[in-house]
N, C-alpha and C. Protein backbone atom coordinates (compact mmCIF):
# COMPACT_ATOMS: atom_id res chain seq x y z
N MET A 1 40.70 -85.36 196.74
CA MET A 1 39.33 -85.80 196.57
C MET A 1 38.47 -84.72 195.93
N THR A 2 38.93 -83.47 196.00
CA THR A 2 38.08 -82.36 195.58
C THR A 2 37.71 -82.41 194.11
N LEU A 3 36.44 -82.17 193.82
CA LEU A 3 35.94 -82.17 192.45
C LEU A 3 36.37 -80.92 191.69
N ASP A 4 36.82 -79.89 192.41
CA ASP A 4 37.25 -78.66 191.74
C ASP A 4 38.38 -78.93 190.75
N ARG A 5 39.17 -79.95 191.00
CA ARG A 5 40.27 -80.27 190.10
C ARG A 5 39.77 -80.77 188.75
N LEU A 6 38.52 -81.18 188.67
CA LEU A 6 37.97 -81.71 187.43
C LEU A 6 37.41 -80.61 186.53
N ARG A 7 37.43 -79.36 186.98
CA ARG A 7 36.85 -78.27 186.19
C ARG A 7 37.38 -78.23 184.76
N PRO A 8 38.72 -78.33 184.54
CA PRO A 8 39.20 -78.25 183.16
C PRO A 8 38.70 -79.38 182.26
N MET A 9 38.23 -80.47 182.86
CA MET A 9 37.82 -81.63 182.07
C MET A 9 36.37 -81.56 181.59
N VAL A 10 35.60 -80.60 182.10
CA VAL A 10 34.18 -80.55 181.76
C VAL A 10 33.85 -79.46 180.76
N SER A 11 34.86 -78.80 180.21
CA SER A 11 34.59 -77.68 179.31
C SER A 11 33.78 -78.11 178.10
N GLY A 12 34.05 -79.31 177.58
CA GLY A 12 33.29 -79.80 176.44
C GLY A 12 31.84 -80.05 176.76
N VAL A 13 31.58 -80.53 177.97
CA VAL A 13 30.20 -80.80 178.40
C VAL A 13 29.42 -79.50 178.55
N LEU A 14 30.13 -78.43 178.87
CA LEU A 14 29.47 -77.14 179.09
C LEU A 14 29.10 -76.42 177.80
N SER A 15 29.66 -76.85 176.68
CA SER A 15 29.49 -76.11 175.43
C SER A 15 28.04 -75.85 175.06
N PRO A 16 27.13 -76.84 175.14
CA PRO A 16 25.72 -76.54 174.78
C PRO A 16 25.11 -75.46 175.67
N SER A 17 25.40 -75.49 176.97
CA SER A 17 24.85 -74.49 177.88
C SER A 17 25.46 -73.12 177.60
N VAL A 18 26.74 -73.08 177.30
CA VAL A 18 27.39 -71.81 176.99
C VAL A 18 26.81 -71.23 175.70
N SER A 19 26.59 -72.09 174.71
CA SER A 19 26.01 -71.63 173.45
C SER A 19 24.60 -71.10 173.67
N LEU A 20 23.83 -71.77 174.52
CA LEU A 20 22.47 -71.31 174.83
C LEU A 20 22.51 -69.94 175.50
N ALA A 21 23.43 -69.77 176.43
CA ALA A 21 23.56 -68.49 177.12
C ALA A 21 23.90 -67.37 176.13
N ARG A 22 24.75 -67.67 175.15
CA ARG A 22 25.10 -66.67 174.14
C ARG A 22 23.90 -66.30 173.30
N ARG A 23 23.12 -67.31 172.90
CA ARG A 23 21.94 -67.04 172.08
C ARG A 23 20.91 -66.22 172.84
N MET A 24 20.87 -66.40 174.16
CA MET A 24 19.92 -65.65 174.98
C MET A 24 20.42 -64.25 175.31
N GLY A 25 21.67 -63.98 174.93
CA GLY A 25 22.24 -62.65 175.17
C GLY A 25 22.68 -62.43 176.61
N LEU A 26 22.90 -63.52 177.35
CA LEU A 26 23.32 -63.39 178.74
C LEU A 26 24.80 -63.06 178.83
N THR A 27 25.16 -62.24 179.79
CA THR A 27 26.56 -61.95 180.06
C THR A 27 27.05 -62.84 181.20
N PRO A 28 28.36 -63.02 181.33
CA PRO A 28 28.87 -63.81 182.45
C PRO A 28 28.41 -63.27 183.81
N ASN A 29 28.39 -61.94 183.96
CA ASN A 29 27.94 -61.36 185.23
C ASN A 29 26.47 -61.66 185.49
N ALA A 30 25.66 -61.62 184.43
CA ALA A 30 24.24 -61.93 184.59
C ALA A 30 24.06 -63.38 185.05
N ILE A 31 24.87 -64.27 184.52
CA ILE A 31 24.79 -65.68 184.92
C ILE A 31 25.21 -65.83 186.38
N SER A 32 26.24 -65.09 186.80
CA SER A 32 26.67 -65.14 188.20
C SER A 32 25.54 -64.69 189.13
N VAL A 33 24.84 -63.64 188.74
CA VAL A 33 23.72 -63.15 189.55
C VAL A 33 22.59 -64.16 189.57
N LEU A 34 22.30 -64.76 188.41
CA LEU A 34 21.25 -65.78 188.34
C LEU A 34 21.59 -66.98 189.23
N ALA A 35 22.86 -67.37 189.22
CA ALA A 35 23.29 -68.48 190.08
C ALA A 35 23.07 -68.14 191.54
N PHE A 36 23.35 -66.89 191.92
CA PHE A 36 23.14 -66.47 193.31
C PHE A 36 21.66 -66.49 193.67
N LEU A 37 20.81 -66.06 192.76
CA LEU A 37 19.37 -66.08 193.02
C LEU A 37 18.88 -67.51 193.23
N LEU A 38 19.44 -68.45 192.48
CA LEU A 38 19.09 -69.85 192.68
C LEU A 38 19.55 -70.35 194.05
N ALA A 39 20.71 -69.86 194.50
CA ALA A 39 21.19 -70.23 195.83
C ALA A 39 20.23 -69.72 196.90
N ILE A 40 19.74 -68.49 196.73
CA ILE A 40 18.75 -67.95 197.67
C ILE A 40 17.50 -68.82 197.68
N GLY A 41 17.07 -69.23 196.48
CA GLY A 41 15.92 -70.10 196.38
C GLY A 41 16.15 -71.42 197.08
N GLY A 42 17.34 -72.01 196.86
CA GLY A 42 17.66 -73.27 197.50
C GLY A 42 17.69 -73.17 199.01
N GLY A 43 18.37 -72.13 199.53
CA GLY A 43 18.43 -71.94 200.98
C GLY A 43 17.06 -71.72 201.59
N SER A 44 16.22 -70.97 200.89
CA SER A 44 14.86 -70.71 201.39
C SER A 44 14.03 -71.99 201.43
N LEU A 45 14.14 -72.79 200.39
CA LEU A 45 13.40 -74.06 200.35
C LEU A 45 13.88 -75.01 201.43
N PHE A 46 15.20 -75.05 201.68
CA PHE A 46 15.73 -75.90 202.75
C PHE A 46 15.20 -75.46 204.11
N ALA A 47 15.08 -74.15 204.29
CA ALA A 47 14.58 -73.64 205.57
C ALA A 47 13.10 -73.95 205.75
N LEU A 48 12.35 -73.92 204.66
CA LEU A 48 10.91 -74.14 204.74
C LEU A 48 10.52 -75.61 204.84
N ALA A 49 11.33 -76.50 204.26
CA ALA A 49 10.94 -77.91 204.16
C ALA A 49 10.50 -78.52 205.49
N PRO A 50 11.32 -78.48 206.54
CA PRO A 50 10.89 -79.08 207.80
C PRO A 50 9.88 -78.22 208.56
N ARG A 51 9.97 -76.91 208.41
CA ARG A 51 9.05 -76.02 209.13
C ARG A 51 7.62 -76.17 208.62
N ARG A 52 7.48 -76.38 207.32
CA ARG A 52 6.16 -76.56 206.74
C ARG A 52 5.78 -78.03 206.61
N SER A 53 6.67 -78.89 207.08
CA SER A 53 6.45 -80.34 206.98
C SER A 53 6.17 -80.77 205.55
N ILE A 54 6.95 -80.23 204.62
CA ILE A 54 6.85 -80.60 203.21
C ILE A 54 8.24 -81.09 202.76
N PRO A 55 8.56 -82.34 203.02
CA PRO A 55 9.90 -82.85 202.71
C PRO A 55 10.32 -82.65 201.26
N LEU A 56 9.35 -82.67 200.33
CA LEU A 56 9.71 -82.54 198.93
C LEU A 56 10.32 -81.18 198.60
N LEU A 57 10.15 -80.21 199.51
CA LEU A 57 10.82 -78.93 199.30
C LEU A 57 12.33 -79.10 199.35
N TYR A 58 12.79 -80.11 200.08
CA TYR A 58 14.23 -80.42 200.07
C TYR A 58 14.69 -80.78 198.66
N LEU A 59 13.85 -81.53 197.96
CA LEU A 59 14.19 -81.93 196.59
C LEU A 59 14.26 -80.71 195.68
N ALA A 60 13.30 -79.80 195.83
CA ALA A 60 13.31 -78.58 195.03
C ALA A 60 14.55 -77.74 195.36
N GLY A 61 14.91 -77.69 196.64
CA GLY A 61 16.11 -76.97 197.03
C GLY A 61 17.36 -77.58 196.43
N ALA A 62 17.40 -78.92 196.38
CA ALA A 62 18.55 -79.61 195.79
C ALA A 62 18.69 -79.27 194.31
N VAL A 63 17.56 -79.14 193.61
CA VAL A 63 17.60 -78.77 192.20
C VAL A 63 18.18 -77.35 192.05
N CYS A 64 17.75 -76.45 192.91
CA CYS A 64 18.28 -75.07 192.87
C CYS A 64 19.78 -75.05 193.09
N VAL A 65 20.25 -75.84 194.05
CA VAL A 65 21.69 -75.88 194.35
C VAL A 65 22.46 -76.49 193.18
N ALA A 66 21.91 -77.53 192.57
CA ALA A 66 22.56 -78.15 191.42
C ALA A 66 22.69 -77.15 190.27
N LEU A 67 21.63 -76.38 190.03
CA LEU A 67 21.66 -75.37 188.98
C LEU A 67 22.64 -74.25 189.32
N ASN A 68 22.73 -73.90 190.60
CA ASN A 68 23.71 -72.90 191.03
C ASN A 68 25.12 -73.36 190.67
N GLY A 69 25.42 -74.61 190.97
CA GLY A 69 26.75 -75.14 190.66
C GLY A 69 27.02 -75.17 189.17
N TRP A 70 25.99 -75.54 188.38
CA TRP A 70 26.16 -75.60 186.93
C TRP A 70 26.42 -74.22 186.35
N LEU A 71 25.64 -73.24 186.77
CA LEU A 71 25.82 -71.88 186.29
C LEU A 71 27.16 -71.30 186.74
N ASP A 72 27.64 -71.75 187.88
CA ASP A 72 28.94 -71.29 188.38
C ASP A 72 30.07 -71.73 187.45
N LEU A 73 29.85 -72.82 186.76
CA LEU A 73 30.82 -73.28 185.76
C LEU A 73 30.65 -72.52 184.44
N ILE A 74 29.40 -72.25 184.09
CA ILE A 74 29.11 -71.64 182.79
C ILE A 74 29.60 -70.20 182.70
N ASP A 75 29.48 -69.43 183.80
CA ASP A 75 29.86 -68.01 183.70
C ASP A 75 31.32 -67.83 183.30
N GLY A 76 32.19 -68.65 183.88
CA GLY A 76 33.60 -68.54 183.53
C GLY A 76 33.88 -68.97 182.10
N GLU A 77 33.24 -70.07 181.67
CA GLU A 77 33.43 -70.54 180.30
C GLU A 77 32.93 -69.51 179.30
N LEU A 78 31.79 -68.89 179.60
CA LEU A 78 31.23 -67.88 178.70
C LEU A 78 32.16 -66.67 178.62
N ALA A 79 32.71 -66.27 179.76
CA ALA A 79 33.63 -65.12 179.76
C ALA A 79 34.84 -65.40 178.90
N ARG A 80 35.37 -66.62 178.99
CA ARG A 80 36.54 -66.98 178.17
C ARG A 80 36.17 -67.03 176.69
N GLU A 81 35.00 -67.58 176.38
CA GLU A 81 34.59 -67.70 174.98
C GLU A 81 34.35 -66.33 174.36
N LEU A 82 33.78 -65.40 175.14
CA LEU A 82 33.51 -64.06 174.63
C LEU A 82 34.72 -63.14 174.72
N GLY A 83 35.74 -63.59 175.44
CA GLY A 83 36.93 -62.76 175.62
C GLY A 83 36.68 -61.54 176.48
N VAL A 84 35.77 -61.68 177.46
CA VAL A 84 35.42 -60.54 178.31
C VAL A 84 35.80 -60.78 179.77
N GLY A 85 36.67 -61.75 180.01
CA GLY A 85 37.09 -62.01 181.37
C GLY A 85 37.78 -60.79 181.96
N SER A 86 37.49 -60.49 183.22
CA SER A 86 38.08 -59.31 183.85
C SER A 86 38.22 -59.56 185.35
N ALA A 87 39.05 -58.74 185.98
CA ALA A 87 39.22 -58.83 187.43
C ALA A 87 37.91 -58.51 188.14
N ALA A 88 37.15 -57.56 187.59
CA ALA A 88 35.88 -57.19 188.20
C ALA A 88 34.89 -58.35 188.15
N GLY A 89 34.85 -59.04 187.01
CA GLY A 89 33.97 -60.19 186.88
C GLY A 89 34.36 -61.32 187.80
N ASP A 90 35.68 -61.53 187.94
CA ASP A 90 36.16 -62.57 188.85
C ASP A 90 35.80 -62.24 190.29
N LEU A 91 35.94 -60.97 190.65
CA LEU A 91 35.59 -60.53 192.00
C LEU A 91 34.10 -60.75 192.27
N LEU A 92 33.26 -60.33 191.32
CA LEU A 92 31.82 -60.51 191.49
C LEU A 92 31.47 -61.98 191.66
N ASP A 93 32.07 -62.83 190.84
CA ASP A 93 31.79 -64.26 190.89
C ASP A 93 32.13 -64.83 192.26
N HIS A 94 33.30 -64.48 192.78
CA HIS A 94 33.73 -65.03 194.07
C HIS A 94 32.91 -64.48 195.23
N VAL A 95 32.57 -63.21 195.18
CA VAL A 95 31.75 -62.64 196.26
C VAL A 95 30.38 -63.31 196.29
N LEU A 96 29.76 -63.46 195.11
CA LEU A 96 28.45 -64.09 195.06
C LEU A 96 28.51 -65.57 195.44
N ASP A 97 29.61 -66.23 195.10
CA ASP A 97 29.78 -67.63 195.51
C ASP A 97 29.80 -67.75 197.03
N ARG A 98 30.52 -66.84 197.69
CA ARG A 98 30.61 -66.91 199.15
C ARG A 98 29.24 -66.63 199.78
N TYR A 99 28.55 -65.63 199.26
CA TYR A 99 27.21 -65.35 199.78
C TYR A 99 26.27 -66.53 199.51
N ALA A 100 26.43 -67.16 198.36
CA ALA A 100 25.60 -68.32 198.04
C ALA A 100 25.86 -69.45 199.04
N ASP A 101 27.13 -69.70 199.35
CA ASP A 101 27.46 -70.72 200.34
C ASP A 101 26.79 -70.42 201.68
N ILE A 102 26.87 -69.16 202.09
CA ILE A 102 26.30 -68.76 203.38
C ILE A 102 24.79 -68.95 203.39
N VAL A 103 24.13 -68.50 202.32
CA VAL A 103 22.67 -68.59 202.26
C VAL A 103 22.20 -70.05 202.27
N ILE A 104 22.87 -70.89 201.52
CA ILE A 104 22.46 -72.29 201.44
C ILE A 104 22.63 -72.99 202.78
N ILE A 105 23.79 -72.81 203.41
CA ILE A 105 24.03 -73.48 204.68
C ILE A 105 23.16 -72.89 205.78
N ALA A 106 22.95 -71.58 205.74
CA ALA A 106 22.05 -70.96 206.72
C ALA A 106 20.65 -71.53 206.59
N GLY A 107 20.21 -71.76 205.36
CA GLY A 107 18.89 -72.34 205.15
C GLY A 107 18.80 -73.75 205.70
N LEU A 108 19.83 -74.54 205.50
CA LEU A 108 19.85 -75.90 206.04
C LEU A 108 19.76 -75.87 207.56
N ALA A 109 20.57 -74.99 208.18
CA ALA A 109 20.60 -74.91 209.64
C ALA A 109 19.29 -74.37 210.20
N ALA A 110 18.72 -73.35 209.55
CA ALA A 110 17.48 -72.75 210.03
C ALA A 110 16.33 -73.75 209.97
N GLY A 111 16.34 -74.57 208.93
CA GLY A 111 15.26 -75.53 208.78
C GLY A 111 15.17 -76.51 209.93
N ILE A 112 16.33 -76.95 210.43
CA ILE A 112 16.32 -77.91 211.55
C ILE A 112 16.62 -77.22 212.88
N GLU A 113 16.69 -75.89 212.85
CA GLU A 113 16.91 -75.08 214.04
C GLU A 113 18.17 -75.49 214.81
N ARG A 114 19.25 -75.66 214.07
CA ARG A 114 20.56 -75.98 214.66
C ARG A 114 21.50 -74.83 214.31
N TYR A 115 21.31 -73.70 214.98
CA TYR A 115 22.01 -72.48 214.60
C TYR A 115 23.50 -72.51 214.95
N ALA A 116 23.84 -73.05 216.10
CA ALA A 116 25.26 -73.13 216.47
C ALA A 116 26.01 -74.05 215.51
N LEU A 117 25.36 -75.15 215.17
CA LEU A 117 25.97 -76.08 214.22
C LEU A 117 26.10 -75.43 212.85
N GLY A 118 25.07 -74.66 212.47
CA GLY A 118 25.14 -73.94 211.21
C GLY A 118 26.26 -72.92 211.20
N PHE A 119 26.47 -72.24 212.32
CA PHE A 119 27.56 -71.27 212.42
C PHE A 119 28.91 -71.95 212.24
N ALA A 120 29.08 -73.10 212.90
CA ALA A 120 30.35 -73.84 212.78
C ALA A 120 30.56 -74.30 211.34
N ALA A 121 29.48 -74.73 210.69
CA ALA A 121 29.59 -75.21 209.31
C ALA A 121 29.92 -74.08 208.35
N VAL A 122 29.22 -72.96 208.48
CA VAL A 122 29.42 -71.89 207.52
C VAL A 122 30.78 -71.23 207.70
N THR A 123 31.30 -71.14 208.92
CA THR A 123 32.64 -70.58 209.09
C THR A 123 33.69 -71.52 208.49
N GLY A 124 33.47 -72.82 208.61
CA GLY A 124 34.40 -73.76 207.99
C GLY A 124 34.41 -73.63 206.48
N VAL A 125 33.23 -73.47 205.91
CA VAL A 125 33.11 -73.33 204.46
C VAL A 125 33.73 -72.02 203.98
N VAL A 126 33.43 -70.93 204.67
CA VAL A 126 33.97 -69.63 204.26
C VAL A 126 35.49 -69.60 204.40
N MET A 127 36.02 -70.17 205.47
CA MET A 127 37.47 -70.18 205.66
C MET A 127 38.16 -71.06 204.61
N THR A 128 37.51 -72.15 204.22
CA THR A 128 38.08 -72.98 203.16
C THR A 128 38.24 -72.17 201.88
N SER A 129 37.18 -71.47 201.49
CA SER A 129 37.24 -70.66 200.28
C SER A 129 38.21 -69.50 200.42
N TYR A 130 38.23 -68.87 201.59
CA TYR A 130 39.13 -67.74 201.83
C TYR A 130 40.58 -68.16 201.67
N LEU A 131 40.95 -69.28 202.26
CA LEU A 131 42.34 -69.74 202.17
C LEU A 131 42.70 -70.09 200.73
N GLY A 132 41.72 -70.56 199.96
CA GLY A 132 42.00 -70.89 198.56
C GLY A 132 42.38 -69.67 197.75
N THR A 133 41.67 -68.56 197.95
CA THR A 133 41.95 -67.35 197.18
C THR A 133 43.05 -66.49 197.82
N GLN A 134 43.21 -66.57 199.13
CA GLN A 134 44.25 -65.79 199.79
C GLN A 134 45.63 -66.24 199.35
N ALA A 135 45.77 -67.52 199.04
CA ALA A 135 47.05 -68.01 198.53
C ALA A 135 47.41 -67.27 197.24
N GLN A 136 46.41 -67.04 196.39
CA GLN A 136 46.65 -66.30 195.16
C GLN A 136 47.02 -64.85 195.45
N ALA A 137 46.41 -64.30 196.48
CA ALA A 137 46.67 -62.90 196.82
C ALA A 137 48.12 -62.67 197.26
N VAL A 138 48.77 -63.71 197.79
CA VAL A 138 50.15 -63.56 198.23
C VAL A 138 51.13 -64.10 197.19
N GLY A 139 50.63 -64.30 195.96
CA GLY A 139 51.53 -64.64 194.88
C GLY A 139 51.58 -66.10 194.48
N LEU A 140 50.80 -66.95 195.12
CA LEU A 140 50.77 -68.36 194.75
C LEU A 140 49.61 -68.61 193.79
N ASP A 141 49.53 -69.83 193.26
CA ASP A 141 48.36 -70.19 192.47
C ASP A 141 47.16 -70.32 193.39
N ARG A 142 45.97 -70.13 192.83
CA ARG A 142 44.75 -70.33 193.61
C ARG A 142 44.69 -71.79 194.05
N VAL A 143 44.41 -72.02 195.32
CA VAL A 143 44.45 -73.37 195.88
C VAL A 143 43.06 -73.99 195.87
N TYR A 144 42.94 -75.14 195.21
CA TYR A 144 41.68 -75.88 195.21
C TYR A 144 41.80 -77.20 195.97
N GLY A 145 42.96 -77.46 196.54
CA GLY A 145 43.20 -78.74 197.18
C GLY A 145 42.51 -78.87 198.53
N GLY A 146 42.80 -79.99 199.18
CA GLY A 146 42.18 -80.27 200.47
C GLY A 146 41.10 -81.33 200.34
N LEU A 147 40.49 -81.66 201.45
CA LEU A 147 39.48 -82.72 201.43
C LEU A 147 38.21 -82.33 200.70
N VAL A 148 37.75 -81.09 200.90
CA VAL A 148 36.47 -80.69 200.34
C VAL A 148 36.56 -79.29 199.73
N GLY A 149 36.25 -79.18 198.45
CA GLY A 149 36.17 -77.90 197.78
C GLY A 149 34.71 -77.54 197.52
N ARG A 150 34.48 -76.43 196.81
CA ARG A 150 33.09 -75.99 196.61
C ARG A 150 32.28 -77.00 195.80
N ALA A 151 32.89 -77.56 194.77
CA ALA A 151 32.16 -78.53 193.97
C ALA A 151 31.73 -79.73 194.81
N ASP A 152 32.63 -80.18 195.70
CA ASP A 152 32.29 -81.29 196.59
C ASP A 152 31.12 -80.92 197.50
N ARG A 153 31.18 -79.70 198.05
CA ARG A 153 30.12 -79.26 198.95
C ARG A 153 28.77 -79.23 198.26
N LEU A 154 28.74 -78.67 197.07
CA LEU A 154 27.48 -78.59 196.36
C LEU A 154 26.94 -79.98 196.02
N ALA A 155 27.84 -80.88 195.62
CA ALA A 155 27.42 -82.25 195.32
C ALA A 155 26.84 -82.92 196.56
N LEU A 156 27.47 -82.72 197.71
CA LEU A 156 26.98 -83.30 198.95
C LEU A 156 25.63 -82.70 199.35
N ILE A 157 25.49 -81.39 199.18
CA ILE A 157 24.22 -80.74 199.54
C ILE A 157 23.09 -81.27 198.66
N VAL A 158 23.36 -81.42 197.37
CA VAL A 158 22.34 -81.96 196.47
C VAL A 158 21.96 -83.38 196.90
N ALA A 159 22.97 -84.20 197.18
CA ALA A 159 22.70 -85.59 197.57
C ALA A 159 21.90 -85.66 198.87
N VAL A 160 22.29 -84.86 199.85
CA VAL A 160 21.58 -84.86 201.14
C VAL A 160 20.18 -84.28 200.99
N GLY A 161 20.03 -83.30 200.11
CA GLY A 161 18.70 -82.76 199.86
C GLY A 161 17.75 -83.82 199.33
N VAL A 162 18.26 -84.66 198.44
CA VAL A 162 17.45 -85.76 197.91
C VAL A 162 17.13 -86.76 199.01
N VAL A 163 18.13 -87.09 199.83
CA VAL A 163 17.91 -88.05 200.92
C VAL A 163 16.90 -87.49 201.92
N ALA A 164 17.05 -86.21 202.29
CA ALA A 164 16.17 -85.60 203.28
C ALA A 164 14.71 -85.55 202.81
N ALA A 165 14.52 -85.57 201.48
CA ALA A 165 13.15 -85.53 200.95
C ALA A 165 12.40 -86.83 201.21
N VAL A 166 13.15 -87.92 201.44
CA VAL A 166 12.48 -89.22 201.59
C VAL A 166 12.80 -89.93 202.90
N VAL A 167 13.86 -89.49 203.59
CA VAL A 167 14.27 -90.17 204.82
C VAL A 167 14.23 -89.18 205.97
N ARG A 168 13.48 -89.50 207.02
CA ARG A 168 13.35 -88.61 208.16
C ARG A 168 13.99 -89.17 209.44
N GLU A 169 14.54 -90.38 209.36
CA GLU A 169 15.13 -90.99 210.54
C GLU A 169 16.32 -90.18 211.05
N THR A 170 16.56 -90.27 212.35
CA THR A 170 17.69 -89.56 212.96
C THR A 170 18.68 -90.56 213.56
N VAL A 171 19.91 -90.12 213.68
CA VAL A 171 20.96 -90.89 214.33
C VAL A 171 21.61 -89.97 215.35
N ALA A 172 21.59 -90.37 216.62
CA ALA A 172 22.12 -89.55 217.70
C ALA A 172 21.46 -88.17 217.72
N GLY A 173 20.19 -88.12 217.37
CA GLY A 173 19.45 -86.87 217.43
C GLY A 173 19.57 -85.97 216.23
N LEU A 174 20.31 -86.40 215.21
CA LEU A 174 20.48 -85.58 214.01
C LEU A 174 19.99 -86.34 212.78
N ASP A 175 19.32 -85.61 211.88
CA ASP A 175 18.92 -86.22 210.62
C ASP A 175 20.05 -86.03 209.60
N ALA A 176 19.77 -86.33 208.33
CA ALA A 176 20.81 -86.25 207.30
C ALA A 176 21.35 -84.83 207.17
N VAL A 177 20.48 -83.84 207.27
CA VAL A 177 20.93 -82.44 207.17
C VAL A 177 21.84 -82.08 208.34
N GLY A 178 21.46 -82.51 209.55
CA GLY A 178 22.28 -82.22 210.71
C GLY A 178 23.67 -82.81 210.59
N TRP A 179 23.74 -84.06 210.12
CA TRP A 179 25.05 -84.69 209.97
C TRP A 179 25.87 -84.05 208.85
N LEU A 180 25.18 -83.53 207.83
CA LEU A 180 25.90 -82.79 206.78
C LEU A 180 26.55 -81.54 207.37
N LEU A 181 25.83 -80.85 208.23
CA LEU A 181 26.39 -79.65 208.88
C LEU A 181 27.57 -80.02 209.76
N VAL A 182 27.48 -81.12 210.46
CA VAL A 182 28.62 -81.59 211.27
C VAL A 182 29.82 -81.83 210.37
N PHE A 183 29.58 -82.49 209.25
CA PHE A 183 30.66 -82.78 208.30
C PHE A 183 31.31 -81.50 207.80
N PHE A 184 30.48 -80.51 207.41
CA PHE A 184 31.03 -79.25 206.93
C PHE A 184 31.80 -78.53 208.02
N ALA A 185 31.31 -78.60 209.25
CA ALA A 185 31.98 -77.92 210.36
C ALA A 185 33.37 -78.51 210.60
N VAL A 186 33.44 -79.82 210.63
CA VAL A 186 34.71 -80.49 210.93
C VAL A 186 35.66 -80.47 209.73
N VAL A 187 35.17 -80.96 208.61
CA VAL A 187 36.02 -81.10 207.44
C VAL A 187 36.31 -79.74 206.80
N GLY A 188 35.37 -78.80 206.90
CA GLY A 188 35.62 -77.48 206.36
C GLY A 188 36.81 -76.81 207.01
N HIS A 189 36.84 -76.82 208.33
CA HIS A 189 37.98 -76.21 209.03
C HIS A 189 39.26 -77.00 208.79
N PHE A 190 39.15 -78.31 208.70
CA PHE A 190 40.33 -79.13 208.42
C PHE A 190 40.89 -78.80 207.04
N THR A 191 40.00 -78.64 206.05
CA THR A 191 40.43 -78.29 204.70
C THR A 191 41.09 -76.91 204.68
N ALA A 192 40.54 -75.97 205.44
CA ALA A 192 41.13 -74.64 205.53
C ALA A 192 42.55 -74.73 206.08
N ILE A 193 42.73 -75.55 207.10
CA ILE A 193 44.07 -75.72 207.69
C ILE A 193 45.01 -76.37 206.68
N GLN A 194 44.49 -77.35 205.90
CA GLN A 194 45.31 -77.97 204.86
C GLN A 194 45.81 -76.92 203.87
N ARG A 195 44.91 -76.06 203.43
CA ARG A 195 45.27 -75.04 202.45
C ARG A 195 46.25 -74.03 203.04
N PHE A 196 46.05 -73.68 204.31
CA PHE A 196 46.97 -72.77 204.99
C PHE A 196 48.36 -73.39 205.06
N TYR A 197 48.43 -74.68 205.40
CA TYR A 197 49.70 -75.37 205.50
C TYR A 197 50.41 -75.40 204.14
N TYR A 198 49.64 -75.69 203.09
CA TYR A 198 50.21 -75.73 201.75
C TYR A 198 50.78 -74.37 201.39
N ALA A 199 50.02 -73.31 201.63
CA ALA A 199 50.46 -71.96 201.28
C ALA A 199 51.71 -71.56 202.05
N MET A 200 51.74 -71.86 203.33
CA MET A 200 52.90 -71.51 204.14
C MET A 200 54.14 -72.26 203.68
N ARG A 201 53.96 -73.51 203.31
CA ARG A 201 55.10 -74.31 202.82
C ARG A 201 55.62 -73.76 201.50
N ALA A 202 54.71 -73.20 200.67
CA ALA A 202 55.08 -72.74 199.34
C ALA A 202 55.69 -71.34 199.36
N LEU A 203 55.50 -70.58 200.44
CA LEU A 203 56.03 -69.21 200.51
C LEU A 203 57.51 -69.19 200.89
């Protein structure tokens, strides 16, 4: 189900954005940093939306997260086009991606004051990503499989951000953001286990 498998299919769609980045003189690392700054903005807006009783801040946060995901695709394409791909750049990209995941989910949890749920969600997300790259570290291909990858998470966060901007109803005491955190907590850890199982079978 993971959207990460579709990455090779969107290279043509990315071309205008990559060309724009080149004309602006941006480097792949600069784009990675910009994507992280957008993640900080998104997480902050998610945290403020319910606290300030301004639901539309959820919509602004969703836009930031969508742009974070888009730039996360562009940095790699730009590196390949410029021929400047490096282990250092790959490391920076992955470290900033993990911090971006943490900041965004922390913002969602802080906004509705569900810190334990946020902890469960963010550990599931981080372990999913960790197992994906750890497989590569032990000599396998990088694993993008499982129920939910990063692209899926970002798409869900954007969708829920839009919903949260207009719908405030709760189910069993949780609103749309709360149920998204439940989903990440459960499915994130399940996806991590899937990736661990795949890696162990392949070794």
